[in-house]
N, C-alpha and C. Protein backbone atom coordinates (compact mmCIF):
# COMPACT_ATOMS: atom_id res chain seq x y z
N MET A 1 3.01 59.57 -200.07
CA MET A 1 1.80 60.42 -199.67
C MET A 1 0.87 59.87 -200.60
N GLU A 2 1.14 59.97 -202.27
CA GLU A 2 0.07 60.12 -203.38
C GLU A 2 0.13 58.32 -202.99
N MET A 3 0.37 57.60 -202.70
CA MET A 3 0.05 56.27 -202.87
C MET A 3 -1.07 56.07 -201.95
N GLY A 4 -1.01 56.62 -200.61
CA GLY A 4 -1.82 56.23 -199.98
C GLY A 4 -3.57 57.07 -200.26
N ARG A 5 -3.20 57.84 -200.91
CA ARG A 5 -4.25 59.02 -201.28
C ARG A 5 -5.06 58.06 -202.65
N THR A 6 -4.55 57.34 -203.37
CA THR A 6 -4.63 57.08 -204.36
C THR A 6 -4.90 55.18 -204.62
N CYS A 7 -4.26 54.39 -203.52
CA CYS A 7 -3.99 53.23 -203.59
C CYS A 7 -5.56 53.01 -203.32
N ALA A 8 -5.80 51.95 -204.51
CA ALA A 8 -6.95 51.31 -204.68
C ALA A 8 -7.42 50.22 -203.16
N CYS A 9 -6.50 49.41 -203.02
CA CYS A 9 -6.23 48.46 -202.24
C CYS A 9 -6.15 49.27 -200.78
N PHE A 10 -5.68 49.78 -200.20
CA PHE A 10 -5.23 50.85 -199.26
C PHE A 10 -7.00 51.51 -199.01
N ASN A 11 -7.25 52.16 -199.68
CA ASN A 11 -8.80 52.56 -199.52
C ASN A 11 -9.90 51.69 -199.32
N LEU A 12 -9.59 51.02 -200.04
CA LEU A 12 -10.89 49.70 -200.05
C LEU A 12 -10.63 49.45 -198.52
N ARG A 13 -9.71 49.29 -197.94
CA ARG A 13 -9.23 48.13 -196.71
C ARG A 13 -9.56 49.27 -195.51
N LYS A 14 -9.32 50.20 -195.98
CA LYS A 14 -9.87 50.89 -194.64
C LYS A 14 -11.29 51.67 -194.60
N ALA A 15 -11.54 51.44 -196.09
CA ALA A 15 -13.48 51.57 -195.76
C ALA A 15 -14.07 50.07 -195.27
N ALA A 16 -13.23 49.36 -195.82
CA ALA A 16 -14.22 47.83 -195.44
C ALA A 16 -13.64 47.67 -193.73
N ARG A 17 -12.72 48.49 -193.25
CA ARG A 17 -12.57 48.62 -191.87
C ARG A 17 -13.23 49.31 -191.15
N SER A 18 -13.97 50.20 -191.40
CA SER A 18 -14.71 51.01 -190.90
C SER A 18 -16.03 50.42 -190.94
N VAL A 19 -16.85 49.89 -191.99
CA VAL A 19 -17.79 49.21 -192.34
C VAL A 19 -18.01 47.87 -191.50
N THR A 20 -17.38 47.10 -191.55
CA THR A 20 -16.74 46.29 -190.60
C THR A 20 -16.49 46.15 -189.11
N GLN A 21 -16.57 47.69 -188.57
CA GLN A 21 -16.29 47.99 -187.14
C GLN A 21 -17.70 48.38 -187.05
N LEU A 22 -18.67 49.00 -187.64
CA LEU A 22 -19.89 49.44 -187.41
C LEU A 22 -20.75 48.30 -187.31
N TYR A 23 -20.62 47.07 -188.00
CA TYR A 23 -21.38 46.01 -187.84
C TYR A 23 -21.18 45.03 -186.88
N ASP A 24 -19.77 45.16 -186.80
CA ASP A 24 -19.42 44.21 -185.52
C ASP A 24 -20.32 44.96 -184.36
N GLU A 25 -20.05 46.02 -183.78
CA GLU A 25 -20.45 46.52 -182.79
C GLU A 25 -22.30 45.86 -182.48
N ILE A 26 -22.43 46.24 -183.76
CA ILE A 26 -24.26 46.41 -183.83
C ILE A 26 -24.21 44.92 -183.60
N LEU A 27 -23.37 44.07 -184.39
CA LEU A 27 -24.12 42.58 -183.82
C LEU A 27 -23.37 41.50 -182.81
N ARG A 28 -22.53 42.89 -181.67
CA ARG A 28 -22.14 42.20 -180.52
C ARG A 28 -23.19 41.48 -179.75
N PRO A 29 -24.60 42.03 -179.21
CA PRO A 29 -25.52 40.82 -178.59
C PRO A 29 -25.52 39.17 -178.95
N THR A 30 -25.12 38.99 -179.85
CA THR A 30 -25.17 38.03 -180.78
C THR A 30 -24.15 37.19 -180.79
N GLY A 31 -23.21 37.67 -180.47
CA GLY A 31 -21.72 37.13 -179.89
C GLY A 31 -21.42 36.67 -181.78
N LEU A 32 -21.53 37.29 -182.86
CA LEU A 32 -21.28 37.16 -184.26
C LEU A 32 -20.50 38.24 -184.58
N ARG A 33 -19.62 38.14 -185.18
CA ARG A 33 -18.80 38.88 -186.48
C ARG A 33 -19.18 39.29 -187.34
N SER A 34 -18.80 40.05 -187.95
CA SER A 34 -19.65 40.46 -189.20
C SER A 34 -19.18 39.37 -190.35
N THR A 35 -18.02 39.15 -190.22
CA THR A 35 -17.13 37.65 -191.09
C THR A 35 -18.04 36.44 -190.69
N GLN A 36 -18.16 35.97 -189.77
CA GLN A 36 -18.81 35.01 -188.99
C GLN A 36 -20.67 34.71 -189.90
N LEU A 37 -21.42 36.07 -189.56
CA LEU A 37 -23.08 36.01 -190.03
C LEU A 37 -22.82 35.76 -191.53
N SER A 38 -21.51 36.51 -192.41
CA SER A 38 -21.57 36.21 -193.93
C SER A 38 -21.55 34.77 -194.16
N LEU A 39 -20.43 34.35 -193.19
CA LEU A 39 -20.27 32.71 -193.24
C LEU A 39 -21.62 32.32 -193.34
N LEU A 40 -22.41 32.50 -192.26
CA LEU A 40 -23.50 31.36 -191.95
C LEU A 40 -24.64 31.91 -192.98
N ALA A 41 -24.66 33.35 -193.13
CA ALA A 41 -25.75 33.40 -194.49
C ALA A 41 -25.36 33.07 -195.57
N GLY A 42 -24.28 32.66 -196.15
CA GLY A 42 -24.32 32.19 -197.51
C GLY A 42 -23.88 30.77 -197.33
N THR A 43 -23.97 29.95 -196.16
CA THR A 43 -24.22 28.63 -195.87
C THR A 43 -25.59 28.32 -196.07
N LEU A 44 -26.47 29.05 -195.30
CA LEU A 44 -27.70 29.19 -195.49
C LEU A 44 -28.62 29.30 -196.74
N VAL A 45 -27.80 30.14 -197.90
CA VAL A 45 -28.79 30.63 -199.05
C VAL A 45 -28.11 29.14 -199.89
N LEU A 46 -26.85 28.47 -200.21
CA LEU A 46 -26.17 27.72 -200.74
C LEU A 46 -26.71 26.10 -199.90
N GLU A 47 -26.89 26.12 -198.91
CA GLU A 47 -26.88 24.71 -198.28
C GLU A 47 -27.54 24.05 -198.91
N PRO A 48 -26.51 22.31 -199.02
CA PRO A 48 -25.47 22.17 -198.44
C PRO A 48 -24.34 22.46 -199.66
N VAL A 49 -23.43 23.31 -198.74
CA VAL A 49 -22.33 23.86 -199.74
C VAL A 49 -21.03 23.23 -199.19
N THR A 50 -20.25 22.96 -200.54
CA THR A 50 -18.37 22.42 -199.95
C THR A 50 -18.10 23.63 -199.83
N LEU A 51 -16.66 23.70 -199.37
CA LEU A 51 -15.97 24.24 -198.38
C LEU A 51 -15.34 24.91 -199.81
N SER A 52 -15.13 24.59 -200.94
CA SER A 52 -14.39 25.16 -202.45
C SER A 52 -15.80 26.47 -202.39
N ARG A 53 -17.12 25.78 -202.79
CA ARG A 53 -17.94 26.90 -203.16
C ARG A 53 -18.13 28.15 -202.26
N LEU A 54 -18.14 27.43 -201.35
CA LEU A 54 -18.12 28.89 -200.05
C LEU A 54 -17.22 29.78 -200.19
N ALA A 55 -16.12 29.56 -200.07
CA ALA A 55 -14.57 30.40 -200.25
C ALA A 55 -14.79 31.02 -201.78
N ARG A 56 -15.45 30.25 -202.71
CA ARG A 56 -15.62 31.15 -203.80
C ARG A 56 -16.53 32.44 -203.54
N ALA A 57 -17.37 31.80 -202.91
CA ALA A 57 -18.99 32.46 -203.21
C ALA A 57 -18.73 34.02 -202.58
N THR A 58 -17.55 33.60 -200.92
CA THR A 58 -17.52 34.80 -200.10
C THR A 58 -16.39 35.60 -200.46
N GLY A 59 -15.20 34.80 -201.05
CA GLY A 59 -14.29 35.83 -202.13
C GLY A 59 -13.11 35.49 -200.51
N THR A 60 -13.31 34.31 -200.07
CA THR A 60 -12.04 33.73 -199.12
C THR A 60 -11.22 32.80 -199.23
N ASP A 61 -10.02 32.77 -198.93
CA ASP A 61 -9.18 32.16 -199.58
C ASP A 61 -9.74 31.18 -198.42
N ARG A 62 -9.19 29.60 -198.73
CA ARG A 62 -9.62 28.39 -198.19
C ARG A 62 -9.34 28.29 -196.94
N THR A 63 -7.77 28.64 -196.06
CA THR A 63 -7.01 28.81 -195.26
C THR A 63 -8.03 29.51 -194.10
N THR A 64 -8.49 30.91 -194.17
CA THR A 64 -8.90 31.84 -193.81
C THR A 64 -10.38 31.06 -193.21
N LEU A 65 -10.74 30.55 -194.52
CA LEU A 65 -12.65 30.35 -194.26
C LEU A 65 -12.57 28.73 -193.35
N THR A 66 -11.49 28.57 -193.44
CA THR A 66 -11.18 27.09 -192.72
C THR A 66 -11.17 27.20 -191.11
N ARG A 67 -10.34 28.28 -191.06
CA ARG A 67 -10.26 29.02 -189.73
C ARG A 67 -11.53 29.44 -188.94
N ASN A 68 -11.84 30.24 -190.14
CA ASN A 68 -13.11 30.72 -189.25
C ASN A 68 -14.20 30.16 -189.32
N LEU A 69 -14.36 28.77 -190.28
CA LEU A 69 -15.35 28.19 -189.97
C LEU A 69 -15.46 27.04 -188.76
N ARG A 70 -14.06 26.84 -188.29
CA ARG A 70 -13.92 26.10 -186.87
C ARG A 70 -14.39 26.69 -186.00
N ILE A 71 -14.41 28.11 -185.99
CA ILE A 71 -15.26 28.83 -184.85
C ILE A 71 -16.58 28.48 -184.37
N LEU A 72 -17.40 28.66 -186.13
CA LEU A 72 -18.48 28.23 -186.16
C LEU A 72 -19.08 26.67 -185.62
N GLU A 73 -18.34 26.04 -186.16
CA GLU A 73 -18.66 24.40 -185.63
C GLU A 73 -18.12 24.54 -184.18
N PHE A 74 -16.98 24.83 -183.50
CA PHE A 74 -17.13 25.16 -181.91
C PHE A 74 -17.99 25.39 -181.09
N ARG A 75 -18.93 26.83 -181.82
CA ARG A 75 -20.12 26.87 -181.28
C ARG A 75 -20.92 26.01 -181.50
N GLY A 76 -21.52 25.61 -182.28
CA GLY A 76 -22.15 24.59 -182.96
C GLY A 76 -23.43 25.13 -183.78
N LEU A 77 -22.64 26.13 -184.22
CA LEU A 77 -23.73 26.67 -185.49
C LEU A 77 -23.90 26.28 -186.84
N ILE A 78 -22.12 25.70 -186.88
CA ILE A 78 -22.96 24.41 -187.91
C ILE A 78 -22.04 23.22 -188.25
N ARG A 79 -22.22 22.55 -188.85
CA ARG A 79 -21.30 21.04 -189.14
C ARG A 79 -20.90 20.67 -190.38
N ILE A 80 -19.95 20.23 -190.42
CA ILE A 80 -18.94 20.32 -191.28
C ILE A 80 -18.84 18.62 -191.79
N GLU A 81 -19.17 17.77 -192.68
CA GLU A 81 -19.27 16.49 -193.17
C GLU A 81 -18.93 16.27 -194.23
N PRO A 82 -18.22 14.84 -194.03
CA PRO A 82 -17.79 14.50 -195.91
C PRO A 82 -19.19 14.16 -197.05
N GLU A 83 -18.94 14.92 -197.88
CA GLU A 83 -19.58 14.46 -198.88
C GLU A 83 -19.11 12.59 -199.47
N THR A 84 -20.30 12.61 -200.64
CA THR A 84 -20.10 11.21 -201.02
C THR A 84 -18.26 10.77 -201.59
N ASP A 85 -18.49 12.03 -202.25
CA ASP A 85 -16.54 12.10 -202.58
C ASP A 85 -16.01 12.49 -201.73
N ARG A 86 -15.68 11.90 -200.62
CA ARG A 86 -14.70 11.80 -199.37
C ARG A 86 -13.66 12.55 -199.46
N ARG A 87 -13.39 13.20 -200.40
CA ARG A 87 -11.94 14.28 -200.56
C ARG A 87 -13.07 15.87 -200.79
N LYS A 88 -14.49 15.60 -200.64
CA LYS A 88 -15.01 16.85 -200.15
C LYS A 88 -16.13 17.01 -198.94
N ARG A 89 -16.18 18.44 -198.37
CA ARG A 89 -16.77 18.46 -197.09
C ARG A 89 -18.03 19.34 -197.53
N ALA A 90 -19.03 19.17 -196.87
CA ALA A 90 -20.01 19.92 -196.97
C ALA A 90 -20.30 20.55 -195.64
N VAL A 91 -20.59 22.37 -196.01
CA VAL A 91 -21.15 23.08 -194.70
C VAL A 91 -22.15 22.95 -194.45
N HIS A 92 -23.16 22.45 -193.04
CA HIS A 92 -24.77 22.53 -192.82
C HIS A 92 -24.73 23.35 -191.70
N LEU A 93 -26.29 24.49 -191.67
CA LEU A 93 -26.17 25.06 -190.43
C LEU A 93 -26.77 24.10 -189.58
N THR A 94 -26.43 23.90 -188.09
CA THR A 94 -27.61 23.49 -187.28
C THR A 94 -28.99 24.12 -186.93
N GLU A 95 -29.20 23.88 -186.13
CA GLU A 95 -30.97 24.44 -185.67
C GLU A 95 -30.39 25.51 -184.96
N GLN A 96 -29.17 25.99 -184.24
CA GLN A 96 -28.72 26.58 -183.35
C GLN A 96 -28.17 27.67 -184.42
N GLY A 97 -27.47 27.42 -185.43
CA GLY A 97 -26.73 28.20 -186.21
C GLY A 97 -28.17 29.01 -187.18
N ARG A 98 -29.00 27.99 -187.10
CA ARG A 98 -30.11 28.92 -187.63
C ARG A 98 -31.08 29.89 -186.74
N GLU A 99 -31.03 30.04 -185.11
CA GLU A 99 -31.44 30.72 -184.29
C GLU A 99 -30.56 31.42 -184.41
N VAL A 100 -29.52 31.63 -184.36
CA VAL A 100 -28.23 32.96 -184.50
C VAL A 100 -28.78 34.08 -185.47
N LEU A 101 -28.77 33.39 -186.80
CA LEU A 101 -29.24 34.03 -188.08
C LEU A 101 -30.54 34.86 -187.59
N GLU A 102 -31.43 34.22 -186.93
CA GLU A 102 -32.45 34.53 -186.82
C GLU A 102 -32.94 35.98 -185.90
N ARG A 103 -31.58 35.63 -184.96
CA ARG A 103 -31.45 37.09 -184.02
C ARG A 103 -30.67 37.68 -184.57
N ALA A 104 -29.57 37.54 -185.10
CA ALA A 104 -29.17 38.74 -186.06
C ALA A 104 -29.57 39.43 -187.07
N ARG A 105 -30.75 39.10 -187.98
CA ARG A 105 -30.70 39.61 -188.79
C ARG A 105 -31.72 40.80 -188.43
N PRO A 106 -32.65 41.57 -187.64
CA PRO A 106 -33.14 42.74 -187.28
C PRO A 106 -31.85 43.61 -186.70
N LEU A 107 -30.70 43.29 -186.51
CA LEU A 107 -29.14 43.72 -186.02
C LEU A 107 -28.52 44.12 -187.37
N TRP A 108 -28.31 43.03 -188.40
CA TRP A 108 -28.15 43.63 -189.56
C TRP A 108 -28.60 44.43 -190.20
N LEU A 109 -30.23 44.48 -190.10
CA LEU A 109 -30.92 45.58 -190.61
C LEU A 109 -30.73 46.85 -190.48
N GLU A 110 -30.60 46.65 -188.96
CA GLU A 110 -30.28 48.19 -188.14
C GLU A 110 -28.63 48.89 -188.65
N ALA A 111 -27.62 47.53 -189.06
CA ALA A 111 -26.56 48.35 -189.67
C ALA A 111 -26.45 48.67 -191.19
N GLN A 112 -27.42 48.39 -191.75
CA GLN A 112 -27.03 47.92 -192.74
C GLN A 112 -27.54 49.35 -193.21
N ALA A 113 -29.16 49.83 -192.65
CA ALA A 113 -29.77 50.98 -192.42
C ALA A 113 -28.96 52.10 -192.17
N ARG A 114 -28.14 52.50 -190.81
CA ARG A 114 -27.29 53.43 -190.49
C ARG A 114 -26.23 53.57 -191.77
N VAL A 115 -25.85 52.36 -192.40
CA VAL A 115 -24.46 52.60 -193.45
C VAL A 115 -25.32 53.26 -194.41
N VAL A 116 -26.65 52.86 -195.53
CA VAL A 116 -27.26 53.74 -196.21
C VAL A 116 -27.55 54.59 -196.08
N ALA A 117 -27.94 55.10 -194.57
CA ALA A 117 -28.51 56.04 -194.22
C ALA A 117 -27.26 57.22 -194.22
N SER A 118 -26.39 57.03 -193.81
CA SER A 118 -25.07 57.87 -193.69
C SER A 118 -24.56 58.30 -194.99
N PHE A 119 -24.64 56.98 -196.08
CA PHE A 119 -23.75 57.36 -197.35
C PHE A 119 -24.55 57.79 -198.47
N GLY A 120 -26.04 57.49 -198.14
CA GLY A 120 -26.92 57.83 -199.24
C GLY A 120 -27.32 57.10 -199.66
N GLY A 121 -28.83 56.75 -200.22
CA GLY A 121 -29.26 55.48 -201.32
C GLY A 121 -29.03 55.42 -202.05
N GLU A 122 -28.82 56.44 -202.74
CA GLU A 122 -28.58 56.14 -204.41
C GLU A 122 -26.85 56.02 -204.56
N ARG A 123 -25.94 56.59 -203.42
CA ARG A 123 -24.65 56.46 -203.64
C ARG A 123 -24.20 55.16 -202.86
N PHE A 124 -25.27 54.39 -202.13
CA PHE A 124 -25.09 53.48 -202.01
C PHE A 124 -25.34 51.93 -202.85
N GLU A 125 -26.14 52.28 -203.43
CA GLU A 125 -26.53 51.59 -205.12
C GLU A 125 -25.48 51.47 -206.00
N ARG A 126 -25.03 52.71 -205.93
CA ARG A 126 -23.76 53.19 -207.29
C ARG A 126 -22.87 52.10 -206.90
N LEU A 127 -22.13 52.34 -205.50
CA LEU A 127 -21.14 51.78 -205.17
C LEU A 127 -21.41 50.34 -204.77
N ILE A 128 -22.49 49.23 -204.43
CA ILE A 128 -22.97 48.22 -204.80
C ILE A 128 -21.92 47.50 -205.86
N GLY A 129 -23.10 48.38 -206.67
CA GLY A 129 -22.49 47.78 -208.20
C GLY A 129 -21.37 48.02 -208.95
N GLU A 130 -20.76 49.08 -208.41
CA GLU A 130 -18.86 49.46 -208.76
C GLU A 130 -18.56 48.55 -207.91
N LEU A 131 -18.85 48.03 -206.80
CA LEU A 131 -17.91 47.06 -206.39
C LEU A 131 -18.02 45.39 -206.87
N ALA A 132 -19.30 45.04 -207.34
CA ALA A 132 -19.76 44.24 -207.64
C ALA A 132 -18.74 43.68 -208.97
N HIS A 133 -19.16 45.14 -209.62
CA HIS A 133 -18.15 45.24 -211.18
C HIS A 133 -16.81 44.53 -211.13
N MET A 134 -15.73 45.46 -209.95
CA MET A 134 -14.63 45.12 -209.58
C MET A 134 -13.72 43.83 -209.39
N VAL A 135 -14.91 43.27 -208.81
CA VAL A 135 -15.04 41.53 -208.34
C VAL A 135 -15.03 41.09 -209.35
N LYS A 136 -15.75 41.25 -210.32
CA LYS A 136 -16.25 40.65 -211.34
C LYS A 136 -14.89 40.40 -212.68
N VAL A 137 -14.30 41.44 -213.14
CA VAL A 137 -13.20 42.06 -213.35
C VAL A 137 -11.40 41.61 -212.97
N LEU A 138 -11.57 41.51 -211.74
CA LEU A 138 -10.44 41.02 -210.92
C LEU A 138 -10.32 39.76 -210.74
N ARG A 139 -11.54 38.98 -210.24
CA ARG A 139 -11.42 38.08 -209.62
C ARG A 139 -10.66 37.08 -210.62
N ARG A 140 -9.98 36.26 -210.14
CA ARG A 140 -8.75 35.02 -210.97
C ARG A 140 -10.11 34.16 -211.15
N PRO A 141 -9.81 33.63 -212.46
CA PRO A 141 -10.44 32.29 -213.08
C PRO A 141 -10.37 31.35 -211.74
């Protein structure tokens, strides 16, 4: 019992599932899951972005990233193309991907507002800072 109450991994994943379910429910009209939205937004910000850089930026292992990107590529939301160094591939948003992101933005804002309002603005800001610090100190080089 002690382990479930104090385990960082269990409690962070439990909280992440709750937040993910809320975002996924609100984003449903776009056909995107919160994980897919994060990948599209990361691609928009970093574009053009290599698979390796997108994996690092999102904290996603390459296998999971590749699987998730295949779905977005199949839906026509991204293109994955070889770079000049043929061993690397770059992810680009398509026009359709940009349109879906634009439609998702107000829904994301709604989800974000619900989380912040439920948790409390100051607590939320502290939480975000603490989580960023945790990622920084635990991230493998």
